[in-house]
Amino acid sequence: MKRLERLLIKLIAIQLFFLLAGQVLISANILPGLQTLAQYEGVTESNYTSILETIGLNQK
């Protein structure tokens, strides 16, 4: 059990490191190409589309 806990703690630490590194790269504008890529992919836009719900529409 301790081995599993140590593994989980290491995985959480690695995830946290990459999360923080990604946030720094995006917010500090260190890689301007990354910002351009995000705009090209449409990630930064606030376009919300309504979701068509098809389950349960034709029930009587």
PDB file of N, CA and C in Angstrom:
ATOM      1  N   MET A   1       0.822  -1.198   0.000  1.00  0.00           N
ATOM      2  CA  MET A   1       0.000   0.000   0.000  1.00  0.00           C
ATOM      3  C   MET A   1       0.870   1.268   0.000  1.00  0.00           C
ATOM      4  N   LYS A   2       1.959   1.225   0.746  1.00  0.00           N
ATOM      5  CA  LYS A   2       2.849   2.390   0.773  1.00  0.00           C
ATOM      6  C   LYS A   2       3.464   2.638  -0.595  1.00  0.00           C
ATOM      7  N   ARG A   3       3.733   1.565  -1.318  1.00  0.00           N
ATOM      8  CA  ARG A   3       4.318   1.705  -2.655  1.00  0.00           C
ATOM      9  C   ARG A   3       3.341   2.430  -3.581  1.00  0.00           C
ATOM     10  N   LEU A   4       2.073   2.070  -3.490  1.00  0.00           N
ATOM     11  CA  LEU A   4       1.045   2.717  -4.304  1.00  0.00           C
ATOM     12  C   LEU A   4       0.898   4.189  -3.922  1.00  0.00           C
ATOM     13  N   GLU A   5       0.928   4.464  -2.632  1.00  0.00           N
ATOM     14  CA  GLU A   5       0.811   5.850  -2.171  1.00  0.00           C
ATOM     15  C   GLU A   5       1.983   6.700  -2.657  1.00  0.00           C
ATOM     16  N   ARG A   6       3.199   6.144  -2.599  1.00  0.00           N
ATOM     17  CA  ARG A   6       4.367   6.877  -3.090  1.00  0.00           C
ATOM     18  C   ARG A   6       4.258   7.142  -4.583  1.00  0.00           C
ATOM     19  N   LEU A   7       3.756   6.147  -5.319  1.00  0.00           N
ATOM     20  CA  LEU A   7       3.582   6.312  -6.760  1.00  0.00           C
ATOM     21  C   LEU A   7       2.553   7.400  -7.061  1.00  0.00           C
ATOM     22  N   LEU A   8       1.453   7.398  -6.334  1.00  0.00           N
ATOM     23  CA  LEU A   8       0.425   8.424  -6.537  1.00  0.00           C
ATOM     24  C   LEU A   8       0.948   9.819  -6.202  1.00  0.00           C
ATOM     25  N   ILE A   9       1.719   9.925  -5.141  1.00  0.00           N
ATOM     26  CA  ILE A   9       2.275  11.227  -4.767  1.00  0.00           C
ATOM     27  C   ILE A   9       3.228  11.723  -5.846  1.00  0.00           C
ATOM     28  N   LYS A  10       4.036  10.830  -6.397  1.00  0.00           N
ATOM     29  CA  LYS A  10       4.948  11.218  -7.473  1.00  0.00           C
ATOM     30  C   LYS A  10       4.179  11.656  -8.710  1.00  0.00           C
ATOM     31  N   LEU A  11       3.118  10.927  -9.056  1.00  0.00           N
ATOM     32  CA  LEU A  11       2.314  11.301 -10.219  1.00  0.00           C
ATOM     33  C   LEU A  11       1.636  12.651 -10.021  1.00  0.00           C
ATOM     34  N   ILE A  12       1.146  12.897  -8.821  1.00  0.00           N
ATOM     35  CA  ILE A  12       0.513  14.182  -8.522  1.00  0.00           C
ATOM     36  C   ILE A  12       1.534  15.310  -8.616  1.00  0.00           C
ATOM     37  N   ALA A  13       2.746  15.071  -8.125  1.00  0.00           N
ATOM     38  CA  ALA A  13       3.793  16.093  -8.192  1.00  0.00           C
ATOM     39  C   ALA A  13       4.168  16.390  -9.640  1.00  0.00           C
ATOM     40  N   ILE A  14       4.255  15.360 -10.466  1.00  0.00           N
ATOM     41  CA  ILE A  14       4.584  15.559 -11.876  1.00  0.00           C
ATOM     42  C   ILE A  14       3.474  16.334 -12.578  1.00  0.00           C
ATOM     43  N   GLN A  15       2.224  15.977 -12.311  1.00  0.00           N
ATOM     44  CA  GLN A  15       1.088  16.684 -12.900  1.00  0.00           C
ATOM     45  C   GLN A  15       1.085  18.155 -12.490  1.00  0.00           C
ATOM     46  N   LEU A  16       1.342  18.406 -11.216  1.00  0.00           N
ATOM     47  CA  LEU A  16       1.370  19.779 -10.716  1.00  0.00           C
ATOM     48  C   LEU A  16       2.483  20.579 -11.380  1.00  0.00           C
ATOM     49  N   PHE A  17       3.645  19.953 -11.547  1.00  0.00           N
ATOM     50  CA  PHE A  17       4.763  20.629 -12.205  1.00  0.00           C
ATOM     51  C   PHE A  17       4.397  21.029 -13.627  1.00  0.00           C
ATOM     52  N   PHE A  18       3.829  20.093 -14.394  1.00  0.00           N
ATOM     53  CA  PHE A  18       3.486  20.405 -15.777  1.00  0.00           C
ATOM     54  C   PHE A  18       2.339  21.407 -15.866  1.00  0.00           C
ATOM     55  N   LEU A  19       1.412  21.367 -14.925  1.00  0.00           N
ATOM     56  CA  LEU A  19       0.343  22.360 -14.897  1.00  0.00           C
ATOM     57  C   LEU A  19       0.913  23.758 -14.674  1.00  0.00           C
ATOM     58  N   LEU A  20       1.777  23.882 -13.687  1.00  0.00           N
ATOM     59  CA  LEU A  20       2.373  25.189 -13.404  1.00  0.00           C
ATOM     60  C   LEU A  20       3.269  25.657 -14.546  1.00  0.00           C
ATOM     61  N   ALA A  21       4.030  24.747 -15.131  1.00  0.00           N
ATOM     62  CA  ALA A  21       4.893  25.120 -16.253  1.00  0.00           C
ATOM     63  C   ALA A  21       4.057  25.594 -17.436  1.00  0.00           C
ATOM     64  N   GLY A  22       2.962  24.918 -17.712  1.00  0.00           N
ATOM     65  CA  GLY A  22       2.085  25.335 -18.804  1.00  0.00           C
ATOM     66  C   GLY A  22       1.455  26.689 -18.546  1.00  0.00           C
ATOM     67  N   GLN A  23       1.039  26.921 -17.311  1.00  0.00           N
ATOM     68  CA  GLN A  23       0.441  28.207 -16.974  1.00  0.00           C
ATOM     69  C   GLN A  23       1.457  29.341 -17.103  1.00  0.00           C
ATOM     70  N   VAL A  24       2.686  29.099 -16.703  1.00  0.00           N
ATOM     71  CA  VAL A  24       3.731  30.122 -16.822  1.00  0.00           C
ATOM     72  C   VAL A  24       4.021  30.401 -18.287  1.00  0.00           C
ATOM     73  N   LEU A  25       4.112  29.357 -19.100  1.00  0.00           N
ATOM     74  CA  LEU A  25       4.402  29.555 -20.519  1.00  0.00           C
ATOM     75  C   LEU A  25       3.302  30.348 -21.214  1.00  0.00           C
ATOM     76  N   ILE A  26       2.066  30.107 -20.837  1.00  0.00           N
ATOM     77  CA  ILE A  26       0.954  30.809 -21.479  1.00  0.00           C
ATOM     78  C   ILE A  26       0.836  32.244 -20.961  1.00  0.00           C
ATOM     79  N   SER A  27       0.910  32.428 -19.642  1.00  0.00           N
ATOM     80  CA  SER A  27       0.673  33.762 -19.083  1.00  0.00           C
ATOM     81  C   SER A  27       1.856  34.706 -19.268  1.00  0.00           C
ATOM     82  N   ALA A  28       3.077  34.209 -19.267  1.00  0.00           N
ATOM     83  CA  ALA A  28       4.246  35.077 -19.393  1.00  0.00           C
ATOM     84  C   ALA A  28       4.590  35.363 -20.847  1.00  0.00           C
ATOM     85  N   ASN A  29       3.868  34.751 -21.761  1.00  0.00           N
ATOM     86  CA  ASN A  29       4.076  34.945 -23.193  1.00  0.00           C
ATOM     87  C   ASN A  29       5.517  34.622 -23.593  1.00  0.00           C
ATOM     88  N   ILE A  30       6.049  33.557 -23.017  1.00  0.00           N
ATOM     89  CA  ILE A  30       7.411  33.118 -23.336  1.00  0.00           C
ATOM     90  C   ILE A  30       7.453  32.515 -24.732  1.00  0.00           C
ATOM     91  N   LEU A  31       6.427  31.775 -25.076  1.00  0.00           N
ATOM     92  CA  LEU A  31       6.337  31.186 -26.409  1.00  0.00           C
ATOM     93  C   LEU A  31       5.193  31.855 -27.166  1.00  0.00           C
ATOM     94  N   PRO A  32       5.452  32.900 -27.940  1.00  0.00           N
ATOM     95  CA  PRO A  32       4.373  33.594 -28.645  1.00  0.00           C
ATOM     96  C   PRO A  32       3.665  32.696 -29.659  1.00  0.00           C
ATOM     97  N   GLY A  33       4.360  31.712 -30.172  1.00  0.00           N
ATOM     98  CA  GLY A  33       3.730  30.791 -31.113  1.00  0.00           C
ATOM     99  C   GLY A  33       2.633  29.975 -30.464  1.00  0.00           C
ATOM    100  N   LEU A  34       2.762  29.715 -29.172  1.00  0.00           N
ATOM    101  CA  LEU A  34       1.743  28.961 -28.449  1.00  0.00           C
ATOM    102  C   LEU A  34       0.451  29.764 -28.352  1.00  0.00           C
ATOM    103  N   GLN A  35       0.569  31.054 -28.116  1.00  0.00           N
ATOM    104  CA  GLN A  35      -0.610  31.925 -28.062  1.00  0.00           C
ATOM    105  C   GLN A  35      -1.286  31.994 -29.426  1.00  0.00           C
ATOM    106  N   THR A  36      -0.492  32.096 -30.479  1.00  0.00           N
ATOM    107  CA  THR A  36      -1.039  32.132 -31.836  1.00  0.00           C
ATOM    108  C   THR A  36      -1.731  30.828 -32.167  1.00  0.00           C
ATOM    109  N   LEU A  37      -1.145  29.724 -31.748  1.00  0.00           N
ATOM    110  CA  LEU A  37      -1.735  28.418 -31.991  1.00  0.00           C
ATOM    111  C   LEU A  37      -3.066  28.277 -31.264  1.00  0.00           C
ATOM    112  N   ALA A  38      -3.145  28.772 -30.041  1.00  0.00           N
ATOM    113  CA  ALA A  38      -4.389  28.703 -29.283  1.00  0.00           C
ATOM    114  C   ALA A  38      -5.477  29.534 -29.950  1.00  0.00           C
ATOM    115  N   GLN A  39      -5.116  30.692 -30.495  1.00  0.00           N
ATOM    116  CA  GLN A  39      -6.099  31.515 -31.198  1.00  0.00           C
ATOM    117  C   GLN A  39      -6.524  30.848 -32.495  1.00  0.00           C
ATOM    118  N   TYR A  40      -5.587  30.196 -33.173  1.00  0.00           N
ATOM    119  CA  TYR A  40      -5.897  29.503 -34.426  1.00  0.00           C
ATOM    120  C   TYR A  40      -6.857  28.348 -34.183  1.00  0.00           C
ATOM    121  N   GLU A  41      -6.658  27.641 -33.078  1.00  0.00           N
ATOM    122  CA  GLU A  41      -7.512  26.501 -32.760  1.00  0.00           C
ATOM    123  C   GLU A  41      -8.868  26.941 -32.209  1.00  0.00           C
ATOM    124  N   GLY A  42      -9.002  28.196 -31.817  1.00  0.00           N
ATOM    125  CA  GLY A  42     -10.268  28.693 -31.304  1.00  0.00           C
ATOM    126  C   GLY A  42     -10.491  28.395 -29.836  1.00  0.00           C
ATOM    127  N   VAL A  43      -9.429  28.109 -29.116  1.00  0.00           N
ATOM    128  CA  VAL A  43      -9.560  27.764 -27.709  1.00  0.00           C
ATOM    129  C   VAL A  43      -9.889  28.988 -26.872  1.00  0.00           C
ATOM    130  N   THR A  44      -9.376  30.148 -27.244  1.00  0.00           N
ATOM    131  CA  THR A  44      -9.549  31.337 -26.421  1.00  0.00           C
ATOM    132  C   THR A  44     -10.857  32.071 -26.693  1.00  0.00           C
ATOM    133  N   GLU A  45     -11.565  31.705 -27.735  1.00  0.00           N
ATOM    134  CA  GLU A  45     -12.817  32.388 -28.046  1.00  0.00           C
ATOM    135  C   GLU A  45     -13.927  31.910 -27.122  1.00  0.00           C
ATOM    136  N   SER A  46     -14.890  32.777 -26.876  1.00  0.00           N
ATOM    137  CA  SER A  46     -16.011  32.434 -26.005  1.00  0.00           C
ATOM    138  C   SER A  46     -17.246  32.127 -26.841  1.00  0.00           C
ATOM    139  N   ASN A  47     -17.120  31.196 -27.732  1.00  0.00           N
ATOM    140  CA  ASN A  47     -18.252  30.795 -28.559  1.00  0.00           C
ATOM    141  C   ASN A  47     -18.953  29.613 -27.909  1.00  0.00           C
ATOM    142  N   TYR A  48     -20.154  29.863 -27.445  1.00  0.00           N
ATOM    143  CA  TYR A  48     -20.924  28.797 -26.834  1.00  0.00           C
ATOM    144  C   TYR A  48     -22.076  28.451 -27.765  1.00  0.00           C
ATOM    145  N   THR A  49     -22.207  27.195 -28.071  1.00  0.00           N
ATOM    146  CA  THR A  49     -23.303  26.752 -28.915  1.00  0.00           C
ATOM    147  C   THR A  49     -24.263  25.940 -28.073  1.00  0.00           C
ATOM    148  N   SER A  50     -25.519  26.054 -28.397  1.00  0.00           N
ATOM    149  CA  SER A  50     -26.500  25.276 -27.653  1.00  0.00           C
ATOM    150  C   SER A  50     -26.395  23.814 -28.067  1.00  0.00           C
ATOM    151  N   ILE A  51     -26.567  22.959 -27.111  1.00  0.00           N
ATOM    152  CA  ILE A  51     -26.447  21.524 -27.343  1.00  0.00           C
ATOM    153  C   ILE A  51     -27.836  20.968 -27.612  1.00  0.00           C
ATOM    154  N   LEU A  52     -27.972  20.267 -28.711  1.00  0.00           N
ATOM    155  CA  LEU A  52     -29.239  19.657 -29.071  1.00  0.00           C
ATOM    156  C   LEU A  52     -29.366  18.341 -28.329  1.00  0.00           C
ATOM    157  N   GLU A  53     -30.367  18.250 -27.501  1.00  0.00           N
ATOM    158  CA  GLU A  53     -30.567  17.029 -26.739  1.00  0.00           C
ATOM    159  C   GLU A  53     -31.524  16.134 -27.510  1.00  0.00           C
ATOM    160  N   THR A  54     -31.057  14.968 -27.876  1.00  0.00           N
ATOM    161  CA  THR A  54     -31.869  14.073 -28.698  1.00  0.00           C
ATOM    162  C   THR A  54     -32.423  12.905 -27.914  1.00  0.00           C
ATOM    163  N   ILE A  55     -31.953  12.681 -26.724  1.00  0.00           N
ATOM    164  CA  ILE A  55     -32.442  11.553 -25.936  1.00  0.00           C
ATOM    165  C   ILE A  55     -33.732  11.966 -25.243  1.00  0.00           C
ATOM    166  N   GLY A  56     -34.772  11.212 -25.456  1.00  0.00           N
ATOM    167  CA  GLY A  56     -36.026  11.446 -24.766  1.00  0.00           C
ATOM    168  C   GLY A  56     -36.936  12.465 -25.418  1.00  0.00           C
ATOM    169  N   LEU A  57     -36.668  12.908 -26.633  1.00  0.00           N
ATOM    170  CA  LEU A  57     -37.529  13.895 -27.279  1.00  0.00           C
ATOM    171  C   LEU A  57     -38.797  13.267 -27.845  1.00  0.00           C
ATOM    172  N   ASN A  58     -38.717  12.036 -28.293  1.00  0.00           N
ATOM    173  CA  ASN A  58     -39.862  11.398 -28.935  1.00  0.00           C
ATOM    174  C   ASN A  58     -40.586  10.428 -28.016  1.00  0.00           C
ATOM    175  N   GLN A  59     -40.464  10.580 -26.744  1.00  0.00           N
ATOM    176  CA  GLN A  59     -41.160   9.690 -25.817  1.00  0.00           C
ATOM    177  C   GLN A  59     -42.573  10.195 -25.602  1.00  0.00           C
ATOM    178  N   LYS A  60     -43.495   9.244 -25.503  1.00  0.00           N
ATOM    179  CA  LYS A  60     -44.904   9.617 -25.286  1.00  0.00           C
ATOM    180  C   LYS A  60     -45.334   9.335 -23.878  1.00  0.00           C
TER     181      LYS A  60
END
